[in-house]
């Protein structure tokens, strides 16, 4: 049996759609009432460990989608509880959606690396999918204003952005073929690095790129009503892109997909 956690999240929803006709597949979410799906649904709440051992019963392959919404200690506790429960329930293999190695400068990298290490020390088989940053995330971080300006503090930096749909396709393939991918770490970044000027051109001649400073971005994010932990997360994303740490293209995505990745600019515009 395959179990997919986080099935109501953006990535989990795409994965659930792709597995909808697969026998012996179950979806996990903290609130099953929110999920309208053809597949069976179990309550899986990383903040309620009592749901985990029961939820993981009979599972052969667990697709553990990162529960990265929170402070580092919160995320580590969630992932630790999930892996502990998976071991106790007798899960055979865990596929984990991690973060690209080039993301080590990001404020939210540490829980991913902790989880990778915990999995590698576990009694289970494992595969790690080091996902690049979504093109759809960049669409939100660098959206044009009403007057046609992109002011995100990306400097001259570029991001090897990847369409979320490609990451869903790769995750499905690895999960369904889990034994063939045991002990592997895959780097899943895009093949085209895009920056602020590229985004402006993609939106059309009426849009310009006029980057602001990180300090201006931090003030804007803080004033937007974002939670406290989100401010350094978003600022570090801008900073790492601007400094050129997120531009490396290539990796294993094409290999897992069996075809060229989707255009990140098309994903941004969509």
Protein backbone atom coordinates (compact mmCIF):
# COMPACT_ATOMS: atom_id res chain seq x y z
CA UNK A 1 0.00 0.00 0.00
CA UNK A 2 1.10 3.56 -0.79
CA UNK A 3 0.16 6.42 1.54
CA UNK A 4 0.58 10.08 0.54
CA UNK A 5 0.70 12.65 3.34
CA UNK A 6 -0.21 16.30 2.91
CA UNK A 7 -2.81 15.44 0.28
CA UNK A 8 -4.61 18.79 0.63
CA UNK A 9 -1.48 20.87 0.00
CA UNK A 10 -0.56 22.26 -3.41
CA UNK A 11 1.93 19.50 -4.27
CA UNK A 12 -0.06 16.78 -2.53
CA UNK A 13 -3.19 17.64 -4.49
CA UNK A 14 -1.36 17.20 -7.80
CA UNK A 15 0.12 13.91 -6.65
CA UNK A 16 -3.29 12.66 -5.48
CA UNK A 17 -4.77 13.47 -8.90
CA UNK A 18 -2.06 11.43 -10.63
CA UNK A 19 -2.59 8.45 -8.33
CA UNK A 20 -6.38 8.57 -8.44
CA UNK A 21 -6.68 5.35 -10.45
CA UNK A 22 -3.95 3.45 -8.61
CA UNK A 23 -5.15 0.53 -6.55
CA UNK A 24 -3.96 0.18 -2.97
CA UNK A 25 -3.25 3.90 -2.55
CA UNK A 26 -4.43 5.98 0.42
CA UNK A 27 -4.32 9.72 1.04
CA UNK A 28 -3.46 11.30 4.37
CA UNK A 29 -4.53 14.70 5.65
CA UNK A 30 -5.13 16.32 9.01
CA UNK A 31 -8.69 17.22 7.99
CA UNK A 32 -10.28 14.53 5.80
CA UNK A 33 -13.42 16.64 5.42
CA UNK A 34 -11.48 19.02 3.19
CA UNK A 35 -10.53 16.31 0.73
CA UNK A 36 -12.89 15.21 -2.03
CA UNK A 37 -11.08 12.30 -3.65
CA UNK A 38 -11.72 8.92 -5.29
CA UNK A 39 -9.10 7.31 -3.07
CA UNK A 40 -9.53 6.28 0.58
CA UNK A 41 -8.53 8.97 3.08
CA UNK A 42 -6.98 8.60 6.53
CA UNK A 43 -6.52 11.25 9.18
CA UNK A 44 -2.77 11.92 9.40
CA UNK A 45 -1.87 14.85 11.64
CA UNK A 46 1.83 15.37 12.31
CA UNK A 47 0.90 17.48 15.35
CA UNK A 48 -1.14 14.58 16.78
CA UNK A 49 1.20 11.56 16.97
CA UNK A 50 -1.70 9.35 18.06
CA UNK A 51 -3.02 9.51 14.48
CA UNK A 52 0.27 8.40 12.94
CA UNK A 53 0.88 4.79 13.99
CA UNK A 54 -2.73 3.86 13.27
CA UNK A 55 -2.64 5.90 10.06
CA UNK A 56 0.49 4.14 8.82
CA UNK A 57 -0.80 0.60 9.45
CA UNK A 58 -0.40 -1.63 6.40
CA UNK A 59 1.65 0.97 4.49
CA UNK A 60 4.50 -0.32 2.37
CA UNK A 61 5.60 2.99 0.83
CA UNK A 62 5.07 6.35 2.54
CA UNK A 63 5.34 9.52 0.47
CA UNK A 64 6.23 12.02 3.18
CA UNK A 65 5.51 15.51 1.87
CA UNK A 66 7.35 18.04 3.98
CA UNK A 67 5.29 19.74 6.67
CA UNK A 68 7.44 22.84 6.45
CA UNK A 69 4.93 25.40 7.66
CA UNK A 70 6.38 26.50 10.99
CA UNK A 71 9.49 27.23 13.01
CA UNK A 72 12.39 24.80 12.73
CA UNK A 73 11.65 23.02 15.99
CA UNK A 74 8.00 22.59 15.02
CA UNK A 75 8.87 21.10 11.63
CA UNK A 76 11.53 18.82 13.11
CA UNK A 77 9.06 17.57 15.73
CA UNK A 78 6.47 16.83 13.03
CA UNK A 79 8.88 14.97 10.78
CA UNK A 80 10.46 13.14 13.70
CA UNK A 81 7.07 11.96 14.92
CA UNK A 82 6.14 10.77 11.43
CA UNK A 83 9.35 8.80 10.94
CA UNK A 84 9.16 7.29 14.44
CA UNK A 85 5.60 6.19 13.77
CA UNK A 86 6.47 4.82 10.33
CA UNK A 87 9.20 2.67 11.86
CA UNK A 88 6.87 1.41 14.58
CA UNK A 89 4.10 0.67 12.08
CA UNK A 90 6.45 -1.35 9.88
CA UNK A 91 6.54 0.94 6.85
CA UNK A 92 9.07 -0.43 4.39
CA UNK A 93 10.12 2.66 2.42
CA UNK A 94 9.80 6.44 2.79
CA UNK A 95 10.02 8.89 -0.11
CA UNK A 96 10.63 12.39 1.27
CA UNK A 97 10.18 15.72 -0.52
CA UNK A 98 13.19 17.72 0.62
CA UNK A 99 14.92 20.89 -0.59
CA UNK A 100 17.56 21.28 -3.28
CA UNK A 101 21.14 21.23 -2.02
CA UNK A 102 21.61 24.76 -3.34
CA UNK A 103 18.99 25.86 -0.81
CA UNK A 104 21.28 25.46 2.19
CA UNK A 105 21.44 29.26 2.47
CA UNK A 106 17.69 29.44 2.95
CA UNK A 107 16.28 29.99 6.43
CA UNK A 108 14.09 26.88 6.13
CA UNK A 109 16.79 24.42 5.00
CA UNK A 110 17.74 23.01 8.40
CA UNK A 111 14.60 20.89 9.05
CA UNK A 112 15.01 19.32 5.62
CA UNK A 113 18.60 18.31 6.29
CA UNK A 114 17.63 17.01 9.75
CA UNK A 115 14.89 14.90 8.20
CA UNK A 116 17.23 13.53 5.54
CA UNK A 117 19.69 12.46 8.23
CA UNK A 118 16.95 10.92 10.37
CA UNK A 119 15.71 8.90 7.41
CA UNK A 120 19.19 7.71 6.53
CA UNK A 121 19.60 6.48 10.12
CA UNK A 122 16.20 4.77 10.15
CA UNK A 123 15.38 1.09 9.77
CA UNK A 124 13.44 1.76 6.54
CA UNK A 125 14.34 2.11 2.91
CA UNK A 126 14.39 5.71 1.77
CA UNK A 127 14.54 8.02 -1.24
CA UNK A 128 15.08 11.77 -1.01
CA UNK A 129 13.65 14.16 -3.59
CA UNK A 130 15.52 17.46 -3.27
CA UNK A 131 12.96 19.72 -4.88
CA UNK A 132 13.90 23.05 -6.38
CA UNK A 133 11.82 26.13 -5.64
CA UNK A 134 8.49 26.20 -7.43
CA UNK A 135 8.04 28.50 -10.40
CA UNK A 136 4.61 29.17 -8.90
CA UNK A 137 6.31 30.48 -5.76
CA UNK A 138 8.27 32.94 -7.85
CA UNK A 139 5.00 34.05 -9.42
CA UNK A 140 3.89 35.15 -5.97
CA UNK A 141 7.21 36.57 -4.79
CA UNK A 142 7.72 38.65 -7.92
CA UNK A 143 4.23 39.51 -9.10
CA UNK A 144 3.71 42.76 -11.03
CA UNK A 145 2.02 45.57 -9.15
CA UNK A 146 -1.11 47.28 -10.39
CA UNK A 147 1.05 49.87 -12.14
CA UNK A 148 3.10 47.19 -13.95
CA UNK A 149 6.26 47.06 -11.83
CA UNK A 150 8.06 44.02 -10.47
CA UNK A 151 9.91 45.28 -7.40
CA UNK A 152 11.07 42.01 -5.82
CA UNK A 153 14.67 42.29 -4.50
CA UNK A 154 16.13 39.67 -6.84
CA UNK A 155 18.96 41.88 -8.08
CA UNK A 156 20.54 40.28 -11.13
CA UNK A 157 20.08 36.81 -9.64
CA UNK A 158 18.27 33.93 -11.27
CA UNK A 159 16.35 30.93 -10.01
CA UNK A 160 16.40 27.43 -11.54
CA UNK A 161 12.67 27.32 -10.94
CA UNK A 162 10.70 24.14 -11.52
CA UNK A 163 7.01 23.71 -12.32
CA UNK A 164 5.14 22.12 -9.43
CA UNK A 165 3.51 19.68 -11.86
CA UNK A 166 6.93 18.29 -12.81
CA UNK A 167 7.77 17.67 -9.17
CA UNK A 168 4.44 15.88 -8.75
CA UNK A 169 5.17 13.69 -11.77
CA UNK A 170 8.63 12.83 -10.46
CA UNK A 171 7.31 12.04 -6.98
CA UNK A 172 4.65 9.72 -8.38
CA UNK A 173 7.14 7.80 -10.48
CA UNK A 174 9.59 7.34 -7.60
CA UNK A 175 6.84 6.35 -5.17
CA UNK A 176 5.29 3.78 -7.47
CA UNK A 177 8.75 2.35 -8.28
CA UNK A 178 10.17 2.85 -4.78
CA UNK A 179 12.42 -0.25 -4.54
CA UNK A 180 14.24 0.80 -7.71
CA UNK A 181 15.09 4.15 -6.14
CA UNK A 182 16.19 2.97 -2.70
CA UNK A 183 19.06 4.94 -1.19
CA UNK A 184 18.97 7.60 -3.91
CA UNK A 185 19.03 11.38 -3.52
CA UNK A 186 17.65 13.20 -6.55
CA UNK A 187 18.28 16.88 -7.35
CA UNK A 188 15.11 18.20 -8.97
CA UNK A 189 15.73 21.73 -10.21
CA UNK A 190 14.74 23.34 -13.49
CA UNK A 191 16.73 23.54 -16.68
CA UNK A 192 16.15 27.25 -17.18
CA UNK A 193 17.21 29.91 -14.66
CA UNK A 194 14.96 32.97 -14.66
CA UNK A 195 15.31 36.39 -13.05
CA UNK A 196 13.34 39.57 -12.57
CA UNK A 197 13.97 40.91 -16.07
CA UNK A 198 12.84 37.60 -17.59
CA UNK A 199 9.64 37.74 -15.57
CA UNK A 200 8.93 41.29 -16.69
CA UNK A 201 9.40 40.38 -20.36
CA UNK A 202 7.16 37.33 -19.96
CA UNK A 203 4.36 39.50 -18.57
CA UNK A 204 4.55 41.84 -21.56
CA UNK A 205 5.92 45.23 -22.61
CA UNK A 206 3.82 47.07 -20.04
CA UNK A 207 5.74 45.47 -17.12
CA UNK A 208 9.14 46.65 -15.86
CA UNK A 209 11.59 45.22 -13.36
CA UNK A 210 12.70 47.74 -10.72
CA UNK A 211 14.14 45.75 -7.80
CA UNK A 212 13.77 47.07 -4.27
CA UNK A 213 16.17 46.38 -1.41
CA UNK A 214 15.94 43.50 1.03
CA UNK A 215 15.17 45.97 3.81
CA UNK A 216 12.22 47.31 1.85
CA UNK A 217 11.01 43.78 1.16
CA UNK A 218 11.34 42.80 4.83
CA UNK A 219 9.27 45.80 5.91
CA UNK A 220 6.62 45.03 3.30
CA UNK A 221 6.39 41.36 4.32
CA UNK A 222 6.22 42.22 8.02
CA UNK A 223 3.42 44.71 7.36
CA UNK A 224 1.45 42.24 5.24
CA UNK A 225 0.26 40.19 8.21
CA UNK A 226 2.70 37.35 7.60
CA UNK A 227 3.49 35.14 10.58
CA UNK A 228 6.77 35.90 12.33
CA UNK A 229 8.58 32.81 11.03
CA UNK A 230 7.57 33.63 7.45
CA UNK A 231 9.50 36.90 7.35
CA UNK A 232 13.03 35.40 7.44
CA UNK A 233 11.89 32.54 5.20
CA UNK A 234 10.80 34.91 2.44
CA UNK A 235 13.66 37.36 2.87
CA UNK A 236 16.22 34.56 2.74
CA UNK A 237 14.61 33.30 -0.47
CA UNK A 238 15.03 36.68 -2.10
CA UNK A 239 18.57 37.00 -0.75
CA UNK A 240 19.74 33.57 -1.93
CA UNK A 241 18.36 34.16 -5.42
CA UNK A 242 19.87 37.65 -5.65
CA UNK A 243 23.27 36.37 -4.50
CA UNK A 244 23.30 33.74 -7.24
CA UNK A 245 23.02 30.61 -5.09
CA UNK A 246 19.83 29.29 -6.68
CA UNK A 247 20.66 29.48 -10.37
CA UNK A 248 22.31 26.12 -11.02
CA UNK A 249 20.30 24.14 -13.56
CA UNK A 250 20.28 20.49 -14.52
CA UNK A 251 20.00 17.70 -12.00
CA UNK A 252 17.87 14.57 -12.26
CA UNK A 253 14.47 15.95 -13.23
CA UNK A 254 14.61 15.12 -16.94
CA UNK A 255 15.76 11.58 -16.12
CA UNK A 256 12.82 10.93 -13.82
CA UNK A 257 10.27 12.58 -16.09
CA UNK A 258 11.50 10.89 -19.24
CA UNK A 259 11.09 14.17 -21.13
CA UNK A 260 12.06 17.84 -20.95
CA UNK A 261 10.70 19.74 -17.93
CA UNK A 262 7.91 22.26 -18.36
CA UNK A 263 8.80 25.89 -18.98
CA UNK A 264 9.12 27.72 -15.65
CA UNK A 265 7.96 30.96 -17.27
CA UNK A 266 4.81 29.26 -18.54
CA UNK A 267 4.20 27.99 -14.99
CA UNK A 268 4.67 31.52 -13.62
CA UNK A 269 2.19 33.00 -16.07
CA UNK A 270 -0.33 30.22 -15.43
